[in-house]
C-alpha atoms as a PDB file:
ATOM      1  CA  ARG A   1     104.410 103.835 106.396  1.00  0.00           C
ATOM      2  CA  PRO A   2     102.344 101.176 108.137  1.00  0.00           C
ATOM      3  CA  ILE A   3     102.756 100.717 111.878  1.00  0.00           C
ATOM      4  CA  ASP A   4     103.033  96.935 111.652  1.00  0.00           C
ATOM      5  CA  GLY A   5     105.255  95.089 109.220  1.00  0.00           C
ATOM      6  CA  THR A   6     107.648  97.974 108.713  1.00  0.00           C
ATOM      7  CA  SER A   7     110.566  95.766 107.657  1.00  0.00           C
ATOM      8  CA  GLU A   8     108.568  94.369 104.726  1.00  0.00           C
ATOM      9  CA  PHE A   9     107.431  97.853 103.745  1.00  0.00           C
ATOM     10  CA  ASP A  10     110.966  99.227 104.065  1.00  0.00           C
ATOM     11  CA  SER A  11     112.274  96.379 101.920  1.00  0.00           C
ATOM     12  CA  ALA A  12     109.667  97.062  99.232  1.00  0.00           C
ATOM     13  CA  MET A  13     110.414 100.796  99.275  1.00  0.00           C
ATOM     14  CA  GLY A  14     114.145 100.071  99.083  1.00  0.00           C
ATOM     15  CA  GLN A  15     113.591  97.961  95.978  1.00  0.00           C
ATOM     16  CA  ILE A  16     111.447 100.672  94.384  1.00  0.00           C
ATOM     17  CA  PHE A  17     114.128 103.261  95.170  1.00  0.00           C
ATOM     18  CA  GLN A  18     116.740 101.034  93.503  1.00  0.00           C
ATOM     19  CA  ILE A  19     114.625 100.518  90.383  1.00  0.00           C
ATOM     20  CA  LEU A  20     113.888 104.223  89.962  1.00  0.00           C
ATOM     21  CA  MET A  21     117.519 105.125  90.586  1.00  0.00           C
ATOM     22  CA  ASN A  22     118.704 102.593  87.999  1.00  0.00           C
ATOM     23  CA  VAL A  23     116.304 104.003  85.402  1.00  0.00           C
ATOM     24  CA  SER A  24     117.346 107.531  86.327  1.00  0.00           C
ATOM     25  CA  ARG A  25     121.039 106.612  86.092  1.00  0.00           C
ATOM     26  CA  ASP A  26     120.469 105.184  82.601  1.00  0.00           C
ATOM     27  CA  PHE A  27     118.756 108.375  81.440  1.00  0.00           C
ATOM     28  CA  LEU A  28     121.484 110.524  82.975  1.00  0.00           C
ATOM     29  CA  ALA A  29     124.155 108.478  81.207  1.00  0.00           C
ATOM     30  CA  LYS A  30     122.298 108.787  77.924  1.00  0.00           C
ATOM     31  CA  SER A  31     121.772 112.531  78.303  1.00  0.00           C
ATOM     32  CA  SER A  32     125.444 113.121  79.089  1.00  0.00           C
ATOM     33  CA  SER A  33     126.598 111.110  76.078  1.00  0.00           C
ATOM     34  CA  SER A  34     126.266 112.087  72.456  1.00  0.00           C
ATOM     35  CA  ILE A  35     123.137 109.948  72.050  1.00  0.00           C
ATOM     36  CA  ALA A  36     120.146 112.182  71.426  1.00  0.00           C
ATOM     37  CA  MET A  37     116.960 111.662  73.410  1.00  0.00           C
ATOM     38  CA  ASP A  38     113.655 112.203  71.681  1.00  0.00           C
ATOM     39  CA  GLU A  39     110.798 114.111  73.286  1.00  0.00           C
ATOM     40  CA  SER A  40     109.000 111.017  74.616  1.00  0.00           C
ATOM     41  CA  GLU A  41     112.179 109.754  76.317  1.00  0.00           C
ATOM     42  CA  PHE A  42     112.784 113.163  77.860  1.00  0.00           C
ATOM     43  CA  GLU A  43     109.179 113.291  79.108  1.00  0.00           C
ATOM     44  CA  PHE A  44     109.514 109.795  80.591  1.00  0.00           C
ATOM     45  CA  ALA A  45     112.723 110.861  82.354  1.00  0.00           C
ATOM     46  CA  GLU A  46     110.821 113.810  83.853  1.00  0.00           C
ATOM     47  CA  TYR A  47     108.152 111.433  85.161  1.00  0.00           C
ATOM     48  CA  ILE A  48     110.829 109.211  86.695  1.00  0.00           C
ATOM     49  CA  THR A  49     112.345 112.247  88.438  1.00  0.00           C
ATOM     50  CA  GLU A  50     108.944 113.367  89.699  1.00  0.00           C
ATOM     51  CA  SER A  51     108.311 109.854  91.014  1.00  0.00           C
ATOM     52  CA  MET A  52     111.673 109.833  92.780  1.00  0.00           C
ATOM     53  CA  VAL A  53     110.942 113.198  94.412  1.00  0.00           C
ATOM     54  CA  PHE A  54     107.487 112.079  95.544  1.00  0.00           C
ATOM     55  CA  LEU A  55     108.761 108.749  96.830  1.00  0.00           C
ATOM     56  CA  GLY A  56     111.589 110.446  98.698  1.00  0.00           C
ATOM     57  CA  SER A  57     109.349 113.077 100.237  1.00  0.00           C
ATOM     58  CA  SER A  58     106.936 110.488 101.578  1.00  0.00           C
ATOM     59  CA  ASN A  59     109.096 107.395 102.202  1.00  0.00           C
ATOM     60  CA  LEU A  60     112.729 108.409 102.629  1.00  0.00           C
ATOM     61  CA  GLN A  61     112.675 107.071 106.193  1.00  0.00           C
ATOM     62  CA  SER A  62     112.262 103.589 104.705  1.00  0.00           C
ATOM     63  CA  VAL A  63     115.784 103.674 103.269  1.00  0.00           C
ATOM     64  CA  ALA A  64     117.372 106.206 105.626  1.00  0.00           C
ATOM     65  CA  GLY A  65     119.339 103.427 107.323  1.00  0.00           C
ATOM     66  CA  ASP A  66     121.422 102.946 104.174  1.00  0.00           C
ATOM     67  CA  ALA A  67     123.519 106.095 103.774  1.00  0.00           C
ATOM     68  CA  GLY A  68     124.739 104.962 100.339  1.00  0.00           C
ATOM     69  CA  ILE A  69     121.227 104.798  98.907  1.00  0.00           C
ATOM     70  CA  VAL A  70     120.242 108.129 100.429  1.00  0.00           C
ATOM     71  CA  SER A  71     123.373 109.847  99.140  1.00  0.00           C
ATOM     72  CA  SER A  72     122.958 108.402  95.617  1.00  0.00           C
ATOM     73  CA  TYR A  73     119.263 109.254  95.644  1.00  0.00           C
ATOM     74  CA  LEU A  74     119.872 112.882  96.598  1.00  0.00           C
ATOM     75  CA  GLN A  75     122.662 113.285  94.030  1.00  0.00           C
ATOM     76  CA  GLN A  76     120.537 111.854  91.226  1.00  0.00           C
ATOM     77  CA  VAL A  77     117.469 113.923  92.085  1.00  0.00           C
ATOM     78  CA  VAL A  78     119.479 117.138  92.255  1.00  0.00           C
ATOM     79  CA  PHE A  79     121.262 116.326  88.989  1.00  0.00           C
ATOM     80  CA  CYS A  80     117.996 115.369  87.240  1.00  0.00           C
ATOM     81  CA  LEU A  81     116.296 118.539  88.391  1.00  0.00           C
ATOM     82  CA  ASP A  82     119.276 120.528  87.166  1.00  0.00           C
ATOM     83  CA  GLU A  83     119.072 118.986  83.673  1.00  0.00           C
END
């Protein structure tokens, strides 16, 4: 996290969190439905989860002010890792 311009950085990280969480939510919905995922989709979902974990471990403070995002993020990561 840069020392100067933290609000711009936090905004960018917040948007990235939202994008990854939306993609993750779509994969979770697909995996819980009767629609079968092929191997490449499953592998992509694993990469999304890994990206979410890395982003959270290094930049969670950027979105920590929004309890809703943090709660959703943690729930999705735990659920994805459980799958």
